[in-house]
Amino acid sequence: MPKPETKPVTRTKTASGVKVTYNYTREDRECLKRAMYAESLHSDPDGYLAVGTVVANRLTSPAYPKTICGVVGQEKQFAPGVMKVRIAEQSEPTLDAAADAILHGQRHPALESAMFFHTEGLKYPYGNMHYVAVAGGNAFYEKRSQDGTLQTPPPLPAYEVAMNYVGSQPASEQISTPQFNHLLPETGPVPAFTPAPALTPASIAPTETAYAMPPTKVVIPTERPDFATVYAPLN
């Protein structure tokens, strides 16, 4: 199902730290759309955004695959057949806009580090399920220890992540050159971070330019740190 992995890439020096850029293809965007649609019970912008946030959080956590399609297609994670679901034509505009919002840094405001969910109303006898939101027919939660710490390596915050559209070419055909950093001036005022506006049904109404892809640019692939070397094994 997924295309060959397009690895996350450039670490760009900023005033607040290192911003990590992830490549995504047309196929990755389709994987995101179908996960949002199928798992949110074909619901609404709030449900789409919540599932999309889980996908984005997993993408930027070292515990999960390095591409969107890799995350969505991971065995025994998302619902079987998620990539085969037929999207109703009338849902496409809202779903497209919600997917693009995720790719441009929007996240569901209640989810934070949540990377798990199940159908609303179900009950499980586990003490590590820290619930944070209900949306689109699902209950979303974090896995936390008794001391409140996350049991899964946390995702990067949205403001430290950039998504770069690279078309549909497989990783083997992309240009690969030595890594380098683009350094910003070390002096002067620190630019303030402005959160992305909240996603509402009105804000994602279809327009003539709502689904335009960002300009294609060459990005230099680098590996993320190996999970086993950065994080202790989970119990």
C-alpha atoms as a PDB file:
ATOM      1  CA  MET A   1       0.000   0.000   0.000  1.00  0.00           C
ATOM      2  CA  PRO A   2       2.494   2.752   1.037  1.00  0.00           C
ATOM      3  CA  LYS A   3       5.152   4.003  -1.377  1.00  0.00           C
ATOM      4  CA  PRO A   4       8.834   3.610  -0.406  1.00  0.00           C
ATOM      5  CA  GLU A   5       9.515   5.701   2.648  1.00  0.00           C
ATOM      6  CA  THR A   6      10.486   9.342   2.173  1.00  0.00           C
ATOM      7  CA  LYS A   7      12.536  10.039   5.265  1.00  0.00           C
ATOM      8  CA  PRO A   8      12.120  13.101   7.491  1.00  0.00           C
ATOM      9  CA  VAL A   9      14.813  15.534   6.779  1.00  0.00           C
ATOM     10  CA  THR A  10      16.369  18.874   7.430  1.00  0.00           C
ATOM     11  CA  ARG A  11      17.043  20.251  10.875  1.00  0.00           C
ATOM     12  CA  THR A  12      16.958  24.029  10.508  1.00  0.00           C
ATOM     13  CA  LYS A  13      18.468  26.170  13.241  1.00  0.00           C
ATOM     14  CA  THR A  14      15.976  28.699  14.609  1.00  0.00           C
ATOM     15  CA  ALA A  15      15.956  31.102  17.531  1.00  0.00           C
ATOM     16  CA  SER A  16      13.901  28.613  19.560  1.00  0.00           C
ATOM     17  CA  GLY A  17      15.847  25.476  18.659  1.00  0.00           C
ATOM     18  CA  VAL A  18      15.815  23.022  15.778  1.00  0.00           C
ATOM     19  CA  LYS A  19      12.867  22.791  13.401  1.00  0.00           C
ATOM     20  CA  VAL A  20      12.470  19.361  11.797  1.00  0.00           C
ATOM     21  CA  THR A  21      11.098  19.110   8.263  1.00  0.00           C
ATOM     22  CA  TYR A  22       9.292  16.004   7.051  1.00  0.00           C
ATOM     23  CA  ASN A  23       8.767  15.223   3.392  1.00  0.00           C
ATOM     24  CA  TYR A  24       5.338  14.081   2.278  1.00  0.00           C
ATOM     25  CA  THR A  25       4.049  12.893  -1.094  1.00  0.00           C
ATOM     26  CA  ARG A  26       0.656  12.957  -2.787  1.00  0.00           C
ATOM     27  CA  GLU A  27       0.218   9.388  -1.553  1.00  0.00           C
ATOM     28  CA  ASP A  28       0.955  10.457   2.032  1.00  0.00           C
ATOM     29  CA  ARG A  29      -1.736  13.124   1.811  1.00  0.00           C
ATOM     30  CA  GLU A  30      -4.199  10.509   0.561  1.00  0.00           C
ATOM     31  CA  CYS A  31      -3.272   8.200   3.464  1.00  0.00           C
ATOM     32  CA  LEU A  32      -3.916  11.058   5.887  1.00  0.00           C
ATOM     33  CA  LYS A  33      -7.293  11.855   4.312  1.00  0.00           C
ATOM     34  CA  ARG A  34      -8.512   8.278   4.400  1.00  0.00           C
ATOM     35  CA  ALA A  35      -7.446   7.749   8.013  1.00  0.00           C
ATOM     36  CA  MET A  36      -9.202  10.948   9.059  1.00  0.00           C
ATOM     37  CA  TYR A  37     -12.349   9.979   7.176  1.00  0.00           C
ATOM     38  CA  ALA A  38     -12.606   6.305   8.108  1.00  0.00           C
ATOM     39  CA  GLU A  39     -11.595   6.592  11.752  1.00  0.00           C
ATOM     40  CA  SER A  40     -13.778   9.614  12.527  1.00  0.00           C
ATOM     41  CA  LEU A  41     -16.921   7.849  11.296  1.00  0.00           C
ATOM     42  CA  HIS A  42     -17.199  10.248   8.334  1.00  0.00           C
ATOM     43  CA  SER A  43     -18.000  12.971  10.830  1.00  0.00           C
ATOM     44  CA  ASP A  44     -17.057  16.648  10.811  1.00  0.00           C
ATOM     45  CA  PRO A  45     -14.028  18.998  10.915  1.00  0.00           C
ATOM     46  CA  ASP A  46     -13.512  18.428  14.646  1.00  0.00           C
ATOM     47  CA  GLY A  47     -13.421  14.636  14.188  1.00  0.00           C
ATOM     48  CA  TYR A  48     -11.178  14.878  11.119  1.00  0.00           C
ATOM     49  CA  LEU A  49      -8.766  17.204  12.908  1.00  0.00           C
ATOM     50  CA  ALA A  50      -8.554  14.937  15.974  1.00  0.00           C
ATOM     51  CA  VAL A  51      -7.621  11.818  13.980  1.00  0.00           C
ATOM     52  CA  GLY A  52      -5.238  13.875  11.832  1.00  0.00           C
ATOM     53  CA  THR A  53      -3.530  15.119  14.984  1.00  0.00           C
ATOM     54  CA  VAL A  54      -2.946  11.533  16.132  1.00  0.00           C
ATOM     55  CA  VAL A  55      -1.340  10.745  12.749  1.00  0.00           C
ATOM     56  CA  ALA A  56       0.869  13.860  12.980  1.00  0.00           C
ATOM     57  CA  ASN A  57       1.820  13.097  16.590  1.00  0.00           C
ATOM     58  CA  ARG A  58       2.835   9.551  15.698  1.00  0.00           C
ATOM     59  CA  LEU A  59       4.822  10.769  12.699  1.00  0.00           C
ATOM     60  CA  THR A  60       6.979  12.979  14.932  1.00  0.00           C
ATOM     61  CA  SER A  61       7.384  10.457  17.769  1.00  0.00           C
ATOM     62  CA  PRO A  62      10.459   8.176  17.496  1.00  0.00           C
ATOM     63  CA  ALA A  63       8.289   5.160  18.330  1.00  0.00           C
ATOM     64  CA  TYR A  64       6.435   5.153  14.986  1.00  0.00           C
ATOM     65  CA  PRO A  65       7.171   4.984  11.233  1.00  0.00           C
ATOM     66  CA  LYS A  66       8.806   7.938   9.524  1.00  0.00           C
ATOM     67  CA  THR A  67       6.140   8.659   6.884  1.00  0.00           C
ATOM     68  CA  ILE A  68       2.416   9.367   6.994  1.00  0.00           C
ATOM     69  CA  CYS A  69       1.570   6.272   4.949  1.00  0.00           C
ATOM     70  CA  GLY A  70       3.873   4.258   7.201  1.00  0.00           C
ATOM     71  CA  VAL A  71       1.972   5.472  10.267  1.00  0.00           C
ATOM     72  CA  VAL A  72      -1.477   4.853   8.752  1.00  0.00           C
ATOM     73  CA  GLY A  73      -0.490   1.466   7.332  1.00  0.00           C
ATOM     74  CA  GLN A  74       1.210   0.167  10.477  1.00  0.00           C
ATOM     75  CA  GLU A  75      -0.109  -3.288  11.333  1.00  0.00           C
ATOM     76  CA  LYS A  76      -2.810  -3.543  14.009  1.00  0.00           C
ATOM     77  CA  GLN A  77      -2.935   0.205  14.617  1.00  0.00           C
ATOM     78  CA  PHE A  78      -5.559   1.867  12.435  1.00  0.00           C
ATOM     79  CA  ALA A  79      -8.719   0.073  11.314  1.00  0.00           C
ATOM     80  CA  PRO A  80      -8.238  -2.662   8.684  1.00  0.00           C
ATOM     81  CA  GLY A  81      -9.214  -1.484   5.212  1.00  0.00           C
ATOM     82  CA  VAL A  82      -8.776   2.184   6.062  1.00  0.00           C
ATOM     83  CA  MET A  83      -7.140   2.801   2.667  1.00  0.00           C
ATOM     84  CA  LYS A  84      -9.989   1.143   0.775  1.00  0.00           C
ATOM     85  CA  VAL A  85     -12.858   3.147   2.220  1.00  0.00           C
ATOM     86  CA  ARG A  86     -14.866   5.093  -0.346  1.00  0.00           C
ATOM     87  CA  ILE A  87     -15.013   8.816   0.467  1.00  0.00           C
ATOM     88  CA  ALA A  88     -18.407  10.366  -0.186  1.00  0.00           C
ATOM     89  CA  GLU A  89     -18.181  13.122  -2.781  1.00  0.00           C
ATOM     90  CA  GLN A  90     -19.918  15.652  -0.541  1.00  0.00           C
ATOM     91  CA  SER A  91     -17.291  15.099   2.173  1.00  0.00           C
ATOM     92  CA  GLU A  92     -14.279  15.761  -0.067  1.00  0.00           C
ATOM     93  CA  PRO A  93     -14.094  19.589   0.281  1.00  0.00           C
ATOM     94  CA  THR A  94     -14.196  19.591   4.087  1.00  0.00           C
ATOM     95  CA  LEU A  95     -11.881  16.589   4.299  1.00  0.00           C
ATOM     96  CA  ASP A  96      -9.380  18.137   1.867  1.00  0.00           C
ATOM     97  CA  ALA A  97      -9.299  21.356   3.847  1.00  0.00           C
ATOM     98  CA  ALA A  98      -8.838  19.500   7.150  1.00  0.00           C
ATOM     99  CA  ALA A  99      -5.967  17.418   5.728  1.00  0.00           C
ATOM    100  CA  ASP A 100      -4.260  20.536   4.413  1.00  0.00           C
ATOM    101  CA  ALA A 101      -4.712  22.198   7.802  1.00  0.00           C
ATOM    102  CA  ILE A 102      -2.843  19.309   9.467  1.00  0.00           C
ATOM    103  CA  LEU A 103      -0.060  19.480   6.864  1.00  0.00           C
ATOM    104  CA  HIS A 104       0.287  23.209   7.477  1.00  0.00           C
ATOM    105  CA  GLY A 105       0.666  22.823  11.235  1.00  0.00           C
ATOM    106  CA  GLN A 106      -2.865  22.894  12.626  1.00  0.00           C
ATOM    107  CA  ARG A 107      -3.606  20.491  15.506  1.00  0.00           C
ATOM    108  CA  HIS A 108      -6.683  19.708  17.565  1.00  0.00           C
ATOM    109  CA  PRO A 109      -6.290  22.003  20.602  1.00  0.00           C
ATOM    110  CA  ALA A 110      -7.359  19.366  23.154  1.00  0.00           C
ATOM    111  CA  LEU A 111      -5.145  16.468  22.065  1.00  0.00           C
ATOM    112  CA  GLU A 112      -1.647  17.747  22.840  1.00  0.00           C
ATOM    113  CA  SER A 113       0.512  14.562  22.982  1.00  0.00           C
ATOM    114  CA  ALA A 114      -2.311  12.042  22.479  1.00  0.00           C
ATOM    115  CA  MET A 115      -1.484   9.211  20.077  1.00  0.00           C
ATOM    116  CA  PHE A 116      -4.291   6.756  20.888  1.00  0.00           C
ATOM    117  CA  PHE A 117      -8.065   6.556  20.605  1.00  0.00           C
ATOM    118  CA  HIS A 118     -10.945   4.120  20.611  1.00  0.00           C
ATOM    119  CA  THR A 119     -14.665   4.266  19.892  1.00  0.00           C
ATOM    120  CA  GLU A 120     -16.481   6.540  22.313  1.00  0.00           C
ATOM    121  CA  GLY A 121     -18.380   4.663  25.016  1.00  0.00           C
ATOM    122  CA  LEU A 122     -16.114   1.631  25.239  1.00  0.00           C
ATOM    123  CA  LYS A 123     -14.459   0.847  28.577  1.00  0.00           C
ATOM    124  CA  TYR A 124     -11.079  -0.795  29.220  1.00  0.00           C
ATOM    125  CA  PRO A 125      -9.550  -1.949  32.537  1.00  0.00           C
ATOM    126  CA  TYR A 126      -6.194  -0.232  32.080  1.00  0.00           C
ATOM    127  CA  GLY A 127      -4.889   2.378  34.473  1.00  0.00           C
ATOM    128  CA  ASN A 128      -2.581   4.136  32.032  1.00  0.00           C
ATOM    129  CA  MET A 129      -5.265   5.627  29.761  1.00  0.00           C
ATOM    130  CA  HIS A 130      -5.315   9.394  30.336  1.00  0.00           C
ATOM    131  CA  TYR A 131      -8.296  10.755  28.358  1.00  0.00           C
ATOM    132  CA  VAL A 132      -8.046  14.233  26.861  1.00  0.00           C
ATOM    133  CA  ALA A 133     -10.903  14.642  24.358  1.00  0.00           C
ATOM    134  CA  VAL A 134     -13.905  13.144  22.609  1.00  0.00           C
ATOM    135  CA  ALA A 135     -14.403  13.988  18.920  1.00  0.00           C
ATOM    136  CA  GLY A 136     -15.835  12.321  15.831  1.00  0.00           C
ATOM    137  CA  GLY A 137     -17.208   9.386  17.801  1.00  0.00           C
ATOM    138  CA  ASN A 138     -13.823   8.594  19.394  1.00  0.00           C
ATOM    139  CA  ALA A 139     -12.262   9.019  22.825  1.00  0.00           C
ATOM    140  CA  PHE A 140      -8.626  10.169  22.608  1.00  0.00           C
ATOM    141  CA  TYR A 141      -6.032   9.433  25.269  1.00  0.00           C
ATOM    142  CA  GLU A 142      -2.379   9.432  26.251  1.00  0.00           C
ATOM    143  CA  LYS A 143      -0.636   6.489  27.900  1.00  0.00           C
ATOM    144  CA  ARG A 144       0.773   7.742  31.206  1.00  0.00           C
ATOM    145  CA  SER A 145       2.477   6.081  34.172  1.00  0.00           C
ATOM    146  CA  GLN A 146       1.229   6.549  37.736  1.00  0.00           C
ATOM    147  CA  ASP A 147       3.626   9.473  38.173  1.00  0.00           C
ATOM    148  CA  GLY A 148       2.046  11.228  35.194  1.00  0.00           C
ATOM    149  CA  THR A 149       4.896  10.748  32.727  1.00  0.00           C
ATOM    150  CA  LEU A 150       4.197   9.676  29.153  1.00  0.00           C
ATOM    151  CA  GLN A 151       4.894   6.008  28.446  1.00  0.00           C
ATOM    152  CA  THR A 152       5.426   6.693  24.727  1.00  0.00           C
ATOM    153  CA  PRO A 153       8.171   8.986  23.397  1.00  0.00           C
ATOM    154  CA  PRO A 154       6.380  12.342  22.960  1.00  0.00           C
ATOM    155  CA  PRO A 155       5.728  13.926  19.578  1.00  0.00           C
ATOM    156  CA  LEU A 156       7.301  17.187  18.540  1.00  0.00           C
ATOM    157  CA  PRO A 157       5.127  20.260  19.128  1.00  0.00           C
ATOM    158  CA  ALA A 158       3.587  21.550  15.921  1.00  0.00           C
ATOM    159  CA  TYR A 159       5.660  24.755  15.920  1.00  0.00           C
ATOM    160  CA  GLU A 160       8.855  22.668  15.727  1.00  0.00           C
ATOM    161  CA  VAL A 161       7.641  20.734  12.659  1.00  0.00           C
ATOM    162  CA  ALA A 162       7.475  21.707   8.996  1.00  0.00           C
ATOM    163  CA  MET A 163       5.955  19.589   6.235  1.00  0.00           C
ATOM    164  CA  ASN A 164       7.463  19.708   2.749  1.00  0.00           C
ATOM    165  CA  TYR A 165       5.581  18.465  -0.323  1.00  0.00           C
ATOM    166  CA  VAL A 166       7.819  16.447  -2.679  1.00  0.00           C
ATOM    167  CA  GLY A 167       5.353  15.125  -5.251  1.00  0.00           C
ATOM    168  CA  SER A 168       5.148  11.388  -5.831  1.00  0.00           C
ATOM    169  CA  GLN A 169       8.708  10.333  -6.607  1.00  0.00           C
ATOM    170  CA  PRO A 170      10.072   7.468  -4.473  1.00  0.00           C
ATOM    171  CA  ALA A 171      12.938   8.161  -2.115  1.00  0.00           C
ATOM    172  CA  SER A 172      15.408   6.380  -4.434  1.00  0.00           C
ATOM    173  CA  GLU A 173      14.792   9.005  -7.137  1.00  0.00           C
ATOM    174  CA  GLN A 174      15.140  12.065  -4.928  1.00  0.00           C
ATOM    175  CA  ILE A 175      18.269  14.191  -4.874  1.00  0.00           C
ATOM    176  CA  SER A 176      20.559  13.335  -1.991  1.00  0.00           C
ATOM    177  CA  THR A 177      23.440  15.598  -0.942  1.00  0.00           C
ATOM    178  CA  PRO A 178      25.360  16.097   2.309  1.00  0.00           C
ATOM    179  CA  GLN A 179      23.375  17.613   5.149  1.00  0.00           C
ATOM    180  CA  PHE A 180      23.808  21.259   6.035  1.00  0.00           C
ATOM    181  CA  ASN A 181      22.069  23.706   8.370  1.00  0.00           C
ATOM    182  CA  HIS A 182      20.630  27.100   7.473  1.00  0.00           C
ATOM    183  CA  LEU A 183      21.660  29.283  10.390  1.00  0.00           C
ATOM    184  CA  LEU A 184      19.649  32.328  11.368  1.00  0.00           C
ATOM    185  CA  PRO A 185      21.340  35.360  12.996  1.00  0.00           C
ATOM    186  CA  GLU A 186      22.320  34.625  16.578  1.00  0.00           C
ATOM    187  CA  THR A 187      21.664  38.215  17.718  1.00  0.00           C
ATOM    188  CA  GLY A 188      18.601  40.409  17.746  1.00  0.00           C
ATOM    189  CA  PRO A 189      15.122  39.832  19.148  1.00  0.00           C
ATOM    190  CA  VAL A 190      13.681  36.341  19.217  1.00  0.00           C
ATOM    191  CA  PRO A 191      10.750  36.172  16.803  1.00  0.00           C
ATOM    192  CA  ALA A 192       7.464  35.454  18.553  1.00  0.00           C
ATOM    193  CA  PHE A 193       5.621  32.274  17.723  1.00  0.00           C
ATOM    194  CA  THR A 194       2.101  32.897  16.444  1.00  0.00           C
ATOM    195  CA  PRO A 195      -0.193  29.858  16.760  1.00  0.00           C
ATOM    196  CA  ALA A 196      -2.158  28.831  13.703  1.00  0.00           C
ATOM    197  CA  PRO A 197      -5.804  29.991  13.790  1.00  0.00           C
ATOM    198  CA  ALA A 198      -8.342  27.500  15.097  1.00  0.00           C
ATOM    199  CA  LEU A 199      -9.928  25.265  12.505  1.00  0.00           C
ATOM    200  CA  THR A 200     -13.687  25.729  12.248  1.00  0.00           C
ATOM    201  CA  PRO A 201     -16.232  24.668   9.627  1.00  0.00           C
ATOM    202  CA  ALA A 202     -16.199  28.225   8.281  1.00  0.00           C
ATOM    203  CA  SER A 203     -12.405  28.444   8.139  1.00  0.00           C
ATOM    204  CA  ILE A 204     -12.093  25.295   6.039  1.00  0.00           C
ATOM    205  CA  ALA A 205     -14.897  26.075   3.614  1.00  0.00           C
ATOM    206  CA  PRO A 206     -13.781  25.205   0.077  1.00  0.00           C
ATOM    207  CA  THR A 207     -12.281  27.977  -2.013  1.00  0.00           C
ATOM    208  CA  GLU A 208     -10.552  28.101  -5.371  1.00  0.00           C
ATOM    209  CA  THR A 209      -7.122  27.833  -3.702  1.00  0.00           C
ATOM    210  CA  ALA A 210      -8.013  25.704  -0.690  1.00  0.00           C
ATOM    211  CA  TYR A 211      -6.277  22.587  -1.976  1.00  0.00           C
ATOM    212  CA  ALA A 212      -3.200  24.003  -3.717  1.00  0.00           C
ATOM    213  CA  MET A 213      -0.064  22.148  -2.746  1.00  0.00           C
ATOM    214  CA  PRO A 214       2.914  24.114  -1.382  1.00  0.00           C
ATOM    215  CA  PRO A 215       5.696  24.741  -3.918  1.00  0.00           C
ATOM    216  CA  THR A 216       8.016  21.786  -4.445  1.00  0.00           C
ATOM    217  CA  LYS A 217      11.545  22.264  -3.127  1.00  0.00           C
ATOM    218  CA  VAL A 218      14.573  20.050  -2.672  1.00  0.00           C
ATOM    219  CA  VAL A 219      15.137  18.890   0.888  1.00  0.00           C
ATOM    220  CA  ILE A 220      18.170  17.042   2.176  1.00  0.00           C
ATOM    221  CA  PRO A 221      17.293  13.675   3.820  1.00  0.00           C
ATOM    222  CA  THR A 222      18.721  12.803   7.216  1.00  0.00           C
ATOM    223  CA  GLU A 223      17.922   9.987   9.614  1.00  0.00           C
ATOM    224  CA  ARG A 224      16.173  10.645  12.910  1.00  0.00           C
ATOM    225  CA  PRO A 225      17.941   9.286  16.048  1.00  0.00           C
ATOM    226  CA  ASP A 226      17.363   5.577  16.472  1.00  0.00           C
ATOM    227  CA  PHE A 227      14.601   4.938  18.984  1.00  0.00           C
ATOM    228  CA  ALA A 228      16.606   2.379  20.943  1.00  0.00           C
ATOM    229  CA  THR A 229      19.549   4.743  21.424  1.00  0.00           C
ATOM    230  CA  VAL A 230      17.490   7.695  22.655  1.00  0.00           C
ATOM    231  CA  TYR A 231      14.734   6.191  24.755  1.00  0.00           C
ATOM    232  CA  ALA A 232      14.849   3.433  27.358  1.00  0.00           C
ATOM    233  CA  PRO A 233      12.698   0.377  26.578  1.00  0.00           C
ATOM    234  CA  LEU A 234       9.046   0.837  27.542  1.00  0.00           C
ATOM    235  CA  ASN A 235       7.457  -1.422  30.147  1.00  0.00           C
END
